[in-house]
Amino acid sequence: MDYESNSWIWEGVYYYPHLFGGLMLTAALLGLSTSYFAGVGVPSLPFLWSDFGIFHKKKHGKKHIRVYMDGCFDLMHYGHANALRQAKALGDELVVGVVSDEEIIANKGPPVLSMEERLALVSGLKWVDEVIANAPYEITEKFMGSLFSEHNIDYIIHGDDPCLLPDGTDAYALAKRAGRYKQIKRTEGVSSTDIVGRILSSARDAKDCQDCNGTSLHGEPHKESESKGPQISQFLPTSRRIVQFSNGKGPAPNARIVYIDGAFDLFHAGHVEILRSARQHGDFLLVGIHTDQAVSENRGNQYPIMHLHERSLSVLACRYVDEVIIGAPWEVTKDVITTFNISLVVHGTVAENNPLLTGENDPYKVPKSMGIFRLLESPKNITTTSVAERIIANHEAYMKRNAKKAESEKKYYAEKKYVSGD
């Protein structure tokens, strides 16, 4: 039987399957003999596919998504933090624009916090990668272009609540038309407008009490019978939200655990800086958040402005915090120190005016006696009371601002629809 009469064998019926099988067998033998052939430079099995011209697939790296979200971030609260957490989940890196003082005044009214304070608060959040200072209130064509070209932004993010300019137009209209806009769900139960309202209401209550019994906003304790307790918002805490804010891990076996406690009411730049300082003294920062009752009893019934779960979320959102105790005891006891394996207890030099910090009622008496207490120099001279007093001192302007904002919020809730998200 000669070659010509059986050329069909070589023309495809047997030749290619046999050739393919031979190549596969050769590749397998090479793969099993890596240790031997490595010395003579023979590549391992995966690298042979491209040489054979089969199963070769070009690999494409996943695109790195950068998202942008802006805001005034005045009177920073857990709603801001949750918005930025949701924004970060839509990309790999989150860039945050902090609107300038001038733009806030033109569009909303006077800000309570300075640009420096607002930058410190935003930079201190665990989900924020970059910050752009003095961002415009409106996403203009020029600014949007700079976001895309200079900052490599892929999407612009905002909540489902409308953000309108003084003329009634949408501040994010251009981003929406460009197809580079994504929406997140607004966090219920809190807003800067709401917090200003709480402060003004507390100030009125304090003034009424001062007329009656000489109690001032600065925190002289009330008798329990005279206390109406803290004002509670519409916020309904869930275990899921706490998990979302948590780091989700405990300290290492031999970690140096630093403990700092307080009310952390109206979470401000002073809080961020003292938490940063505390974190530098150990491997794991545990923060105790005092109960509403303890804060009211020791600082006056107009405090706290924010209730326990609101304050806990604000602290958990801080990048320097590893864990919190929700409802920590006012006094740092031996049992607390042992239970949480605390190595060092710290406190800042700047705190609310409190007569119980010294003497026999000193809440840090036990850690001091154990030689594990340290007083830290507070980087900023800011307290909850000093922030509240800025609003009270300019209450007419803030009442006017609140009245205007309240109308838009009322409309939002009247027309509100369910938005998926968390």
Protein backbone atom coordinates (compact mmCIF):
# COMPACT_ATOMS: atom_id res chain seq x y z
CA MET A 1 0.00 0.00 0.00
CA ASP A 2 1.79 3.13 -1.21
CA TYR A 3 1.66 6.68 0.15
CA GLU A 4 -0.42 8.18 -2.70
CA SER A 5 -3.21 5.67 -2.33
CA ASN A 6 -3.57 6.47 1.36
CA SER A 7 -2.89 10.20 1.32
CA TRP A 8 -6.29 10.84 2.96
CA ILE A 9 -4.76 9.65 6.22
CA TRP A 10 -2.27 12.47 6.10
CA GLU A 11 -4.79 14.99 4.90
CA GLY A 12 -6.57 15.25 8.20
CA VAL A 13 -8.33 12.11 9.35
CA TYR A 14 -5.45 10.80 11.44
CA TYR A 15 -2.65 13.25 11.13
CA TYR A 16 -3.97 16.21 13.17
CA PRO A 17 -5.45 14.19 16.01
CA HIS A 18 -2.23 12.22 16.28
CA LEU A 19 -0.11 15.35 16.11
CA PHE A 20 -2.25 17.01 18.79
CA GLY A 21 -2.01 13.93 21.01
CA GLY A 22 1.73 13.81 20.58
CA LEU A 23 2.12 17.43 21.53
CA MET A 24 -0.09 16.96 24.58
CA LEU A 25 1.93 13.94 25.70
CA THR A 26 5.18 15.83 25.22
CA ALA A 27 3.86 18.77 27.20
CA ALA A 28 2.72 16.48 30.02
CA LEU A 29 6.12 14.80 30.21
CA LEU A 30 7.83 18.17 30.30
CA GLY A 31 5.46 19.32 33.04
CA LEU A 32 6.24 16.23 35.14
CA SER A 33 9.95 16.70 34.60
CA THR A 34 10.19 20.34 35.64
CA SER A 35 12.84 19.67 38.23
CA TYR A 36 15.08 18.02 35.64
CA PHE A 37 14.50 20.32 32.66
CA ALA A 38 14.63 23.51 34.71
CA GLY A 39 18.37 23.21 34.74
CA VAL A 40 18.55 23.34 30.97
CA GLY A 41 16.03 26.16 30.59
CA VAL A 42 12.98 24.26 29.38
CA PRO A 43 9.82 26.19 30.27
CA SER A 44 7.08 24.69 32.42
CA LEU A 45 3.75 23.53 30.97
CA PRO A 46 1.71 26.74 31.16
CA PHE A 47 4.29 28.60 29.11
CA LEU A 48 4.13 26.08 26.26
CA TRP A 49 0.56 26.79 25.23
CA SER A 50 1.48 29.99 23.42
CA ASP A 51 4.31 28.23 21.59
CA PHE A 52 1.89 25.52 20.42
CA GLY A 53 -0.56 28.18 19.32
CA ILE A 54 -3.43 26.57 21.24
CA PHE A 55 -5.52 27.68 24.23
CA HIS A 56 -3.70 30.99 24.24
CA LYS A 57 -5.77 33.73 25.83
CA LYS A 58 -4.56 37.25 26.33
CA LYS A 59 -4.91 38.39 29.93
CA HIS A 60 -6.45 41.75 30.67
CA GLY A 61 -5.96 43.35 34.08
CA LYS A 62 -9.10 44.50 35.88
CA LYS A 63 -9.64 48.24 35.52
CA HIS A 64 -9.01 50.19 38.70
CA ILE A 65 -12.20 52.17 39.39
CA ARG A 66 -11.92 55.58 41.06
CA VAL A 67 -15.09 57.23 42.31
CA TYR A 68 -15.74 60.78 43.47
CA MET A 69 -18.18 62.09 46.03
CA ASP A 70 -18.40 65.60 47.40
CA GLY A 71 -20.20 67.44 50.15
CA CYS A 72 -20.05 70.19 52.73
CA PHE A 73 -19.49 67.71 55.59
CA ASP A 74 -20.47 70.36 58.09
CA LEU A 75 -21.26 68.86 61.50
CA MET A 76 -19.95 65.50 60.32
CA HIS A 77 -22.21 62.64 61.35
CA TYR A 78 -22.67 58.92 60.75
CA GLY A 79 -24.94 59.66 57.76
CA HIS A 80 -21.99 61.28 55.98
CA ALA A 81 -19.81 58.32 56.95
CA ASN A 82 -22.33 55.81 55.65
CA ALA A 83 -22.67 57.69 52.36
CA LEU A 84 -18.91 57.55 51.85
CA ARG A 85 -18.86 53.88 52.82
CA GLN A 86 -21.46 53.14 50.13
CA ALA A 87 -19.54 55.25 47.60
CA LYS A 88 -16.32 53.35 48.29
CA ALA A 89 -18.16 50.07 47.64
CA LEU A 90 -18.82 51.25 44.05
CA GLY A 91 -15.12 51.45 43.21
CA ASP A 92 -11.58 50.69 44.30
CA GLU A 93 -10.56 54.17 45.45
CA LEU A 94 -12.67 56.98 46.86
CA VAL A 95 -11.80 60.62 46.24
CA VAL A 96 -13.80 63.11 48.30
CA GLY A 97 -14.33 66.77 47.50
CA VAL A 98 -14.90 69.12 50.43
CA VAL A 99 -16.91 72.16 49.34
CA SER A 100 -15.35 75.56 50.07
CA ASP A 101 -16.66 77.96 52.72
CA GLU A 102 -17.59 80.49 50.04
CA GLU A 103 -19.62 77.96 48.06
CA ILE A 104 -21.45 76.79 51.19
CA ILE A 105 -22.35 80.37 52.14
CA ALA A 106 -23.63 81.06 48.62
CA ASN A 107 -25.74 77.90 48.40
CA LYS A 108 -26.75 76.95 51.94
CA GLY A 109 -25.71 79.56 54.50
CA PRO A 110 -22.78 79.90 56.93
CA PRO A 111 -20.86 76.70 57.77
CA VAL A 112 -20.36 75.76 61.42
CA LEU A 113 -16.94 74.18 60.96
CA SER A 114 -13.90 75.66 59.25
CA MET A 115 -12.40 74.12 56.12
CA GLU A 116 -9.48 72.79 58.20
CA GLU A 117 -11.85 71.04 60.59
CA ARG A 118 -13.95 69.56 57.80
CA LEU A 119 -10.84 68.29 56.02
CA ALA A 120 -9.65 66.62 59.24
CA LEU A 121 -13.01 64.89 59.67
CA VAL A 122 -13.20 63.61 56.09
CA SER A 123 -9.54 62.52 56.01
CA GLY A 124 -10.11 60.64 59.26
CA LEU A 125 -12.73 58.32 57.75
CA LYS A 126 -11.57 54.76 57.05
CA TRP A 127 -13.10 54.61 53.55
CA VAL A 128 -11.51 57.80 52.15
CA ASP A 129 -8.39 57.52 49.99
CA GLU A 130 -7.92 61.11 48.76
CA VAL A 131 -9.39 64.51 49.56
CA ILE A 132 -9.84 67.55 47.30
CA ALA A 133 -10.12 70.77 49.28
CA ASN A 134 -12.32 73.71 48.20
CA ALA A 135 -14.40 71.74 45.72
CA PRO A 136 -17.27 73.58 43.98
CA TYR A 137 -20.86 73.00 45.11
CA GLU A 138 -21.97 72.41 41.51
CA ILE A 139 -20.37 69.87 39.18
CA THR A 140 -19.52 72.29 36.37
CA GLU A 141 -18.25 71.20 32.97
CA LYS A 142 -14.77 72.51 33.77
CA PHE A 143 -14.57 70.78 37.15
CA MET A 144 -16.00 67.55 35.75
CA GLY A 145 -13.33 67.63 33.06
CA SER A 146 -10.60 68.02 35.67
CA LEU A 147 -12.05 65.11 37.66
CA PHE A 148 -11.87 62.86 34.61
CA SER A 149 -8.51 64.01 33.23
CA GLU A 150 -6.47 65.03 36.29
CA HIS A 151 -7.91 62.79 39.01
CA ASN A 152 -8.81 59.82 36.76
CA ILE A 153 -12.35 59.64 38.13
CA ASP A 154 -14.65 57.05 36.56
CA TYR A 155 -17.91 57.88 38.32
CA ILE A 156 -19.42 60.71 40.34
CA ILE A 157 -21.57 59.60 43.28
CA HIS A 158 -24.43 61.23 45.21
CA GLY A 159 -27.35 60.18 47.38
CA ASP A 160 -30.94 59.72 46.24
CA ASP A 161 -31.93 63.02 47.90
CA PRO A 162 -31.93 65.96 45.45
CA CYS A 163 -29.08 68.47 45.50
CA LEU A 164 -30.44 71.69 44.03
CA LEU A 165 -28.76 74.98 43.20
CA PRO A 166 -30.38 78.30 44.24
CA ASP A 167 -32.07 78.49 40.82
CA GLY A 168 -33.64 75.06 41.36
CA THR A 169 -31.48 73.14 38.88
CA ASP A 170 -29.76 69.83 39.63
CA ALA A 171 -26.14 70.25 40.77
CA TYR A 172 -25.28 66.87 39.18
CA ALA A 173 -27.09 67.30 35.86
CA LEU A 174 -23.91 67.29 33.76
CA ALA A 175 -22.56 64.12 35.35
CA LYS A 176 -25.88 62.39 34.71
CA ARG A 177 -25.92 63.44 31.06
CA ALA A 178 -22.36 62.22 30.65
CA GLY A 179 -23.37 58.77 31.88
CA ARG A 180 -20.81 58.96 34.68
CA TYR A 181 -23.19 59.29 37.62
CA LYS A 182 -24.12 56.67 40.21
CA GLN A 183 -26.59 56.95 43.06
CA ILE A 184 -26.50 55.65 46.63
CA LYS A 185 -29.14 55.43 49.31
CA ARG A 186 -29.50 58.29 51.78
CA THR A 187 -29.03 57.34 55.45
CA GLU A 188 -32.24 57.85 57.37
CA GLY A 189 -32.72 59.67 60.64
CA VAL A 190 -29.98 62.29 60.60
CA SER A 191 -28.83 65.38 58.74
CA SER A 192 -26.79 68.46 59.55
CA THR A 193 -30.07 70.40 59.56
CA ASP A 194 -31.47 68.01 62.15
CA ILE A 195 -28.38 68.35 64.36
CA VAL A 196 -28.49 72.16 64.25
CA GLY A 197 -32.12 71.90 65.28
CA ARG A 198 -31.22 69.66 68.21
CA ILE A 199 -28.54 72.08 69.39
CA LEU A 200 -30.85 75.09 69.20
CA SER A 201 -33.56 73.15 71.01
CA SER A 202 -31.14 72.06 73.73
CA ALA A 203 -29.97 75.64 74.14
CA ARG A 204 -33.55 76.82 74.65
CA ASP A 205 -34.11 74.07 77.21
CA ALA A 206 -30.88 75.00 78.99
CA LYS A 207 -31.89 78.68 79.08
CA ASP A 208 -35.25 77.77 80.59
CA CYS A 209 -33.47 75.69 83.23
CA GLN A 210 -30.99 78.50 83.89
CA ASP A 211 -33.86 80.87 84.54
CA CYS A 212 -35.26 78.32 87.00
CA ASN A 213 -32.21 77.00 88.84
CA GLY A 214 -29.04 78.56 87.45
CA THR A 215 -27.99 75.66 85.24
CA SER A 216 -25.94 76.65 82.17
CA LEU A 217 -25.11 75.11 78.79
CA HIS A 218 -21.61 74.41 80.07
CA GLY A 219 -22.71 71.25 81.79
CA GLU A 220 -23.48 71.68 85.49
CA PRO A 221 -25.37 68.48 86.36
CA HIS A 222 -29.13 68.53 86.80
CA LYS A 223 -31.04 66.55 89.34
CA GLU A 224 -32.55 63.48 87.74
CA SER A 225 -36.09 64.67 88.42
CA GLU A 226 -35.43 67.82 86.41
CA SER A 227 -33.87 66.02 83.46
CA LYS A 228 -35.87 65.34 80.35
CA GLY A 229 -33.06 63.18 78.97
CA PRO A 230 -31.37 63.42 75.57
CA GLN A 231 -33.28 64.15 72.40
CA ILE A 232 -33.64 61.00 70.31
CA SER A 233 -33.66 61.04 66.49
CA GLN A 234 -35.55 58.86 64.02
CA PHE A 235 -32.46 56.68 63.54
CA LEU A 236 -33.13 52.96 64.06
CA PRO A 237 -29.85 51.11 64.65
CA THR A 238 -29.38 47.62 63.22
CA SER A 239 -26.75 44.97 63.84
CA ARG A 240 -25.96 44.96 60.12
CA ARG A 241 -25.04 48.64 60.13
CA ILE A 242 -22.67 48.12 63.07
CA VAL A 243 -21.01 45.23 61.22
CA GLN A 244 -20.63 47.41 58.09
CA PHE A 245 -18.78 50.05 60.11
CA SER A 246 -16.68 47.60 62.11
CA ASN A 247 -13.18 46.42 61.20
CA GLY A 248 -14.36 42.88 61.87
CA LYS A 249 -11.25 41.69 63.68
CA GLY A 250 -9.89 41.70 67.20
CA PRO A 251 -6.42 42.38 68.56
CA ALA A 252 -3.49 40.05 67.94
CA PRO A 253 -2.52 37.76 70.85
CA ASN A 254 0.30 40.00 72.09
CA ALA A 255 -1.10 43.36 70.96
CA ARG A 256 -0.66 46.44 73.11
CA ILE A 257 -4.26 47.57 73.64
CA VAL A 258 -4.85 51.27 74.28
CA TYR A 259 -8.15 52.40 75.81
CA ILE A 260 -9.73 55.84 75.62
CA ASP A 261 -13.28 56.70 76.60
CA GLY A 262 -15.70 59.60 76.37
CA ALA A 263 -19.03 60.81 75.05
CA PHE A 264 -17.71 61.69 71.57
CA ASP A 265 -20.78 63.84 71.08
CA LEU A 266 -21.01 65.94 67.88
CA PHE A 267 -17.98 64.07 66.55
CA HIS A 268 -15.47 66.81 65.62
CA ALA A 269 -11.87 67.38 64.52
CA GLY A 270 -10.68 67.38 68.14
CA HIS A 271 -11.96 63.84 68.50
CA VAL A 272 -10.19 62.72 65.31
CA GLU A 273 -6.86 64.14 66.43
CA ILE A 274 -6.93 62.71 69.97
CA LEU A 275 -7.88 59.29 68.56
CA ARG A 276 -4.96 59.52 66.14
CA SER A 277 -2.65 60.37 69.03
CA ALA A 278 -4.02 57.54 71.18
CA ARG A 279 -3.57 54.98 68.38
CA GLN A 280 0.13 55.83 68.15
CA HIS A 281 0.67 54.51 71.69
CA GLY A 282 -0.23 50.91 70.88
CA ASP A 283 -1.24 48.28 68.36
CA PHE A 284 -5.01 48.29 68.90
CA LEU A 285 -7.25 51.21 69.90
CA LEU A 286 -10.34 50.37 71.96
CA VAL A 287 -12.78 53.24 72.50
CA GLY A 288 -15.40 53.31 75.23
CA ILE A 289 -18.59 55.24 74.42
CA HIS A 290 -20.48 56.41 77.50
CA THR A 291 -24.22 55.82 77.82
CA ASP A 292 -26.72 58.62 77.26
CA GLN A 293 -27.66 58.47 80.95
CA ALA A 294 -24.05 58.81 82.12
CA VAL A 295 -23.45 61.77 79.82
CA SER A 296 -26.65 63.51 80.94
CA GLU A 297 -25.91 62.94 84.63
CA ASN A 298 -22.36 64.23 84.42
CA ARG A 299 -22.59 67.00 81.82
CA GLY A 300 -26.15 68.27 82.02
CA ASN A 301 -29.47 67.10 80.69
CA GLN A 302 -29.04 69.00 77.40
CA TYR A 303 -26.35 66.44 76.55
CA PRO A 304 -25.76 64.29 74.62
CA ILE A 305 -26.91 65.90 71.39
CA MET A 306 -26.42 62.59 69.57
CA HIS A 307 -27.58 59.36 71.19
CA LEU A 308 -25.43 56.33 71.99
CA HIS A 309 -25.72 54.41 68.72
CA GLU A 310 -25.20 57.54 66.62
CA ARG A 311 -22.06 58.40 68.58
CA SER A 312 -20.81 54.81 68.36
CA LEU A 313 -21.09 54.74 64.55
CA SER A 314 -19.26 58.07 64.25
CA VAL A 315 -16.36 56.70 66.29
CA LEU A 316 -16.34 53.34 64.46
CA ALA A 317 -16.03 55.18 61.15
CA CYS A 318 -12.73 56.76 62.24
CA ARG A 319 -9.71 55.12 60.61
CA TYR A 320 -7.71 55.15 63.87
CA VAL A 321 -10.28 53.11 65.83
CA ASP A 322 -10.17 49.32 65.95
CA GLU A 323 -13.11 48.57 68.25
CA VAL A 324 -15.66 50.29 70.48
CA ILE A 325 -17.48 49.41 73.68
CA ILE A 326 -21.06 50.59 73.20
CA GLY A 327 -22.24 51.82 76.59
CA ALA A 328 -18.91 51.78 78.44
CA PRO A 329 -19.00 52.46 82.20
CA TRP A 330 -18.14 55.97 83.36
CA GLU A 331 -15.47 54.61 85.70
CA VAL A 332 -12.59 52.57 84.27
CA THR A 333 -12.64 49.59 86.63
CA LYS A 334 -10.18 46.76 87.23
CA ASP A 335 -12.72 44.41 85.65
CA VAL A 336 -12.84 46.46 82.43
CA ILE A 337 -9.04 46.51 82.26
CA THR A 338 -8.79 42.75 82.78
CA THR A 339 -11.70 41.81 80.50
CA PHE A 340 -10.27 43.68 77.51
CA ASN A 341 -6.59 43.08 78.35
CA ILE A 342 -5.93 46.84 78.35
CA SER A 343 -2.27 47.87 78.48
CA LEU A 344 -2.70 51.64 78.64
CA VAL A 345 -5.56 54.02 79.46
CA VAL A 346 -5.29 57.52 77.97
CA HIS A 347 -7.24 60.77 78.11
CA GLY A 348 -6.80 64.13 76.40
CA THR A 349 -5.97 67.41 78.12
CA VAL A 350 -8.95 69.10 76.43
CA ALA A 351 -12.32 67.83 77.62
CA GLU A 352 -15.74 69.08 78.62
CA ASN A 353 -15.90 71.06 81.87
CA ASN A 354 -16.47 68.21 84.32
CA PRO A 355 -16.01 68.45 88.11
CA LEU A 356 -15.76 64.65 88.42
CA LEU A 357 -12.41 64.26 86.65
CA THR A 358 -10.41 64.89 89.83
CA GLY A 359 -10.60 63.90 93.49
CA GLU A 360 -12.15 60.76 94.94
CA ASN A 361 -14.70 60.53 92.12
CA ASP A 362 -11.97 60.43 89.47
CA PRO A 363 -13.10 57.80 86.91
CA TYR A 364 -9.43 57.02 86.15
CA LYS A 365 -8.45 56.31 89.75
CA VAL A 366 -7.88 52.56 89.14
CA PRO A 367 -5.63 52.80 86.03
CA LYS A 368 -3.68 55.60 87.75
CA SER A 369 -3.08 53.35 90.78
CA MET A 370 -1.90 50.58 88.42
CA GLY A 371 0.53 52.92 86.66
CA ILE A 372 -1.11 52.46 83.25
CA PHE A 373 -2.73 55.88 82.80
CA ARG A 374 -1.33 58.59 80.55
CA LEU A 375 -2.60 62.12 79.89
CA LEU A 376 -2.16 63.06 76.23
CA GLU A 377 -1.77 66.60 74.98
CA SER A 378 -4.85 67.31 72.87
CA PRO A 379 -3.80 68.53 69.39
CA LYS A 380 -6.89 70.75 69.03
CA ASN A 381 -8.71 72.92 71.55
CA ILE A 382 -12.22 71.92 70.45
CA THR A 383 -15.06 70.52 72.54
CA THR A 384 -18.68 69.60 71.89
CA THR A 385 -19.76 72.68 73.83
CA SER A 386 -17.50 75.01 71.83
CA VAL A 387 -18.98 73.69 68.57
CA ALA A 388 -22.53 74.07 69.90
CA GLU A 389 -21.79 77.63 71.02
CA ARG A 390 -20.86 78.63 67.46
CA ILE A 391 -24.41 77.78 66.42
CA ILE A 392 -26.02 79.40 69.44
CA ALA A 393 -24.00 82.60 68.98
CA ASN A 394 -25.26 82.89 65.40
CA HIS A 395 -28.62 81.23 65.98
CA GLU A 396 -30.65 83.58 63.77
CA ALA A 397 -28.60 82.74 60.69
CA TYR A 398 -28.80 79.02 61.42
CA MET A 399 -32.53 79.15 62.11
CA LYS A 400 -32.99 80.81 58.73
CA ARG A 401 -30.79 78.20 57.06
CA ASN A 402 -32.67 75.40 58.79
CA ALA A 403 -36.07 76.75 57.77
CA LYS A 404 -34.99 76.76 54.12
CA LYS A 405 -33.44 73.31 54.27
CA ALA A 406 -36.35 71.86 56.22
CA GLU A 407 -38.69 72.57 53.32
CA SER A 408 -36.59 70.56 50.87
CA GLU A 409 -36.26 67.70 53.35
CA LYS A 410 -40.01 67.73 53.95
CA LYS A 411 -40.57 67.45 50.20
CA TYR A 412 -38.02 64.64 49.94
CA TYR A 413 -39.78 62.57 52.59
CA ALA A 414 -43.21 63.29 51.11
CA GLU A 415 -42.10 61.98 47.70
CA LYS A 416 -39.72 59.36 49.05
CA LYS A 417 -39.60 55.96 47.35
CA TYR A 418 -37.73 52.82 48.27
CA VAL A 419 -34.14 52.79 47.03
CA SER A 420 -32.15 49.56 47.11
CA GLY A 421 -28.82 49.78 48.81
CA ASP A 422 -27.36 49.91 52.27
